[in-house]
Amino acid sequence: MKKTLLFLALIVLGFNSSFAQKEYKIITVIESIVPNGLGRSRMLSSNEARDYKEYTSTRTGEDDKRNKSDRGEIRVKGFDETKLLNFYNIGGIRFQNIVANDAIVTSKLNAMSAEGWSLDFVNSGVESVGGKDDKNGIYVTRYTFSRNKQ
């Protein structure tokens, strides 16, 4: 009987945890590759939530029901901005800057983990003007975390 009750309790716990709602958080790291230290590198994290539905419009072939909200309302003014070092200075690429940024980002990832967040995805991309003599651009990395809603 005890084994049956224990088995049923484990099933119920497993069933409940598999349907637990999750919340997500994105941390964005922007690292400048503009020469001479002229760029700006930052790690950004929003402290405000937005409901995407307020800024979404529905369009069909027959009508046009656009959301009339002001785009300025989308802006988030409450966020954390952590300064990072640029990849370049006057002397060229700075490997010390890269590892310093790695240490700061690692610190943030460890703090998120300690707060119960799990790292689910890492997406990255590069933006630059392109062309033969292009020395401008940024690396963008987005870290997507999740945890069970509290």
Protein backbone atom coordinates (compact mmCIF):
# COMPACT_ATOMS: atom_id res chain seq x y z
CA MET A 1 0.00 0.00 0.00
CA LYS A 2 2.82 2.41 0.89
CA LYS A 3 4.53 1.73 -2.42
CA THR A 4 1.29 2.42 -4.31
CA LEU A 5 0.78 5.74 -2.49
CA LEU A 6 4.38 6.74 -3.11
CA PHE A 7 4.04 5.83 -6.79
CA LEU A 8 0.82 7.87 -7.13
CA ALA A 9 2.42 10.85 -5.34
CA LEU A 10 5.36 10.77 -7.73
CA ILE A 11 3.03 10.65 -10.73
CA VAL A 12 1.02 13.62 -9.44
CA LEU A 13 4.17 15.65 -8.73
CA GLY A 14 5.59 14.84 -12.16
CA PHE A 15 2.28 15.68 -13.83
CA ASN A 16 2.02 19.05 -12.06
CA SER A 17 5.62 20.07 -12.77
CA SER A 18 5.37 19.20 -16.45
CA PHE A 19 2.52 21.72 -16.87
CA ALA A 20 3.97 24.47 -14.69
CA GLN A 21 3.91 27.84 -16.41
CA LYS A 22 7.25 29.38 -17.16
CA GLU A 23 8.43 32.93 -17.32
CA TYR A 24 11.20 34.04 -19.62
CA LYS A 25 13.86 36.72 -19.44
CA ILE A 26 16.29 37.87 -22.11
CA ILE A 27 19.69 39.39 -21.46
CA THR A 28 21.26 41.14 -24.46
CA VAL A 29 25.00 41.75 -24.82
CA ILE A 30 26.16 44.25 -27.43
CA GLU A 31 29.91 44.38 -28.06
CA SER A 32 31.35 47.04 -30.31
CA ILE A 33 33.95 46.30 -32.95
CA VAL A 34 34.38 49.97 -33.88
CA PRO A 35 38.10 50.83 -33.96
CA ASN A 36 39.88 53.33 -31.69
CA GLY A 37 37.55 52.63 -28.78
CA LEU A 38 34.80 54.82 -30.24
CA GLY A 39 32.03 52.23 -29.92
CA ARG A 40 29.83 51.41 -26.93
CA SER A 41 29.53 47.93 -25.47
CA ARG A 42 26.80 47.04 -22.97
CA MET A 43 24.88 44.22 -21.31
CA LEU A 44 21.16 45.05 -21.09
CA SER A 45 18.34 43.59 -19.03
CA SER A 46 14.76 44.91 -18.87
CA ASN A 47 13.13 45.55 -15.49
CA GLU A 48 9.71 46.22 -17.03
CA ALA A 49 7.26 43.91 -18.76
CA ARG A 50 5.34 44.62 -21.93
CA ASP A 51 2.28 42.82 -23.32
CA TYR A 52 2.93 42.21 -27.01
CA LYS A 53 -0.84 42.24 -27.65
CA GLU A 54 -0.96 45.98 -26.99
CA TYR A 55 1.38 46.56 -29.94
CA THR A 56 0.06 43.94 -32.36
CA SER A 57 -2.31 44.61 -35.24
CA THR A 58 -4.51 42.15 -37.11
CA ARG A 59 -4.74 42.55 -40.86
CA THR A 60 -6.93 40.74 -43.33
CA GLY A 61 -7.72 41.24 -46.99
CA GLU A 62 -11.05 42.87 -46.14
CA ASP A 63 -10.20 45.21 -43.30
CA ASP A 64 -7.29 46.80 -41.59
CA LYS A 65 -7.57 46.75 -37.81
CA ARG A 66 -4.33 48.37 -36.77
CA ASN A 67 -3.34 49.02 -33.23
CA LYS A 68 -3.32 52.79 -32.86
CA SER A 69 -0.91 52.89 -29.90
CA ASP A 70 1.98 55.29 -29.94
CA ARG A 71 5.30 53.59 -30.66
CA GLY A 72 6.82 55.59 -27.85
CA GLU A 73 4.74 53.56 -25.40
CA ILE A 74 6.76 50.47 -26.33
CA ARG A 75 9.99 51.93 -25.00
CA VAL A 76 11.23 50.53 -21.72
CA LYS A 77 12.82 53.07 -19.40
CA GLY A 78 13.48 50.69 -16.51
CA PHE A 79 16.46 48.51 -17.36
CA ASP A 80 19.88 47.50 -16.12
CA GLU A 81 22.81 48.64 -18.25
CA THR A 82 26.18 47.09 -17.49
CA LYS A 83 29.16 48.71 -19.17
CA LEU A 84 31.48 46.45 -21.10
CA LEU A 85 34.77 47.12 -22.83
CA ASN A 86 35.10 47.55 -26.58
CA PHE A 87 36.99 44.95 -28.59
CA TYR A 88 39.29 47.59 -30.12
CA ASN A 89 41.30 50.53 -28.90
CA ILE A 90 43.85 52.72 -30.68
CA GLY A 91 46.35 49.84 -30.69
CA GLY A 92 43.91 47.39 -32.31
CA ILE A 93 42.10 44.38 -30.91
CA ARG A 94 42.33 44.07 -27.11
CA PHE A 95 42.21 40.48 -25.93
CA GLN A 96 42.17 41.69 -22.30
CA ASN A 97 38.93 43.53 -23.05
CA ILE A 98 37.37 40.38 -24.47
CA VAL A 99 38.20 38.26 -21.41
CA ALA A 100 37.10 41.09 -19.09
CA ASN A 101 33.72 41.10 -20.87
CA ASP A 102 33.57 37.32 -20.57
CA ALA A 103 34.13 37.60 -16.81
CA ILE A 104 31.32 40.16 -16.43
CA VAL A 105 28.86 38.18 -18.58
CA THR A 106 29.77 34.99 -16.68
CA SER A 107 29.05 36.80 -13.43
CA LYS A 108 25.57 37.74 -14.73
CA LEU A 109 24.89 34.18 -15.94
CA ASN A 110 25.91 32.80 -12.54
CA ALA A 111 23.70 35.34 -10.75
CA MET A 112 20.72 34.40 -12.95
CA SER A 113 21.32 30.73 -12.20
CA ALA A 114 21.46 31.45 -8.46
CA GLU A 115 18.07 33.21 -8.79
CA GLY A 116 16.55 30.03 -10.25
CA TRP A 117 16.79 30.89 -13.94
CA SER A 118 17.86 28.25 -16.48
CA LEU A 119 19.69 29.22 -19.65
CA ASP A 120 17.58 27.86 -22.54
CA PHE A 121 18.97 29.49 -25.68
CA VAL A 122 21.86 31.63 -26.88
CA ASN A 123 21.43 33.50 -30.17
CA SER A 124 24.08 35.71 -31.68
CA GLY A 125 24.61 37.83 -34.73
CA VAL A 126 26.88 40.43 -36.23
CA GLU A 127 25.85 43.75 -37.73
CA SER A 128 28.20 45.74 -39.90
CA VAL A 129 28.11 48.03 -42.88
CA GLY A 130 30.06 45.57 -45.01
CA GLY A 131 32.25 46.42 -47.90
CA LYS A 132 35.94 46.30 -48.58
CA ASP A 133 37.19 48.68 -45.89
CA ASP A 134 34.50 48.12 -43.26
CA LYS A 135 35.85 48.30 -39.73
CA ASN A 136 32.55 49.04 -38.00
CA GLY A 137 29.99 46.79 -36.41
CA ILE A 138 28.63 45.10 -33.33
CA TYR A 139 28.25 41.61 -31.98
CA VAL A 140 24.84 40.97 -30.46
CA THR A 141 24.25 37.98 -28.20
CA ARG A 142 20.89 37.21 -26.60
CA TYR A 143 20.66 34.86 -23.65
CA THR A 144 17.14 33.47 -23.08
CA PHE A 145 16.40 32.24 -19.56
CA SER A 146 13.33 30.54 -18.09
CA ARG A 147 12.06 29.50 -14.70
CA ASN A 148 8.80 28.24 -13.27
CA LYS A 149 6.44 31.08 -12.42
CA GLN A 150 6.38 31.90 -8.77
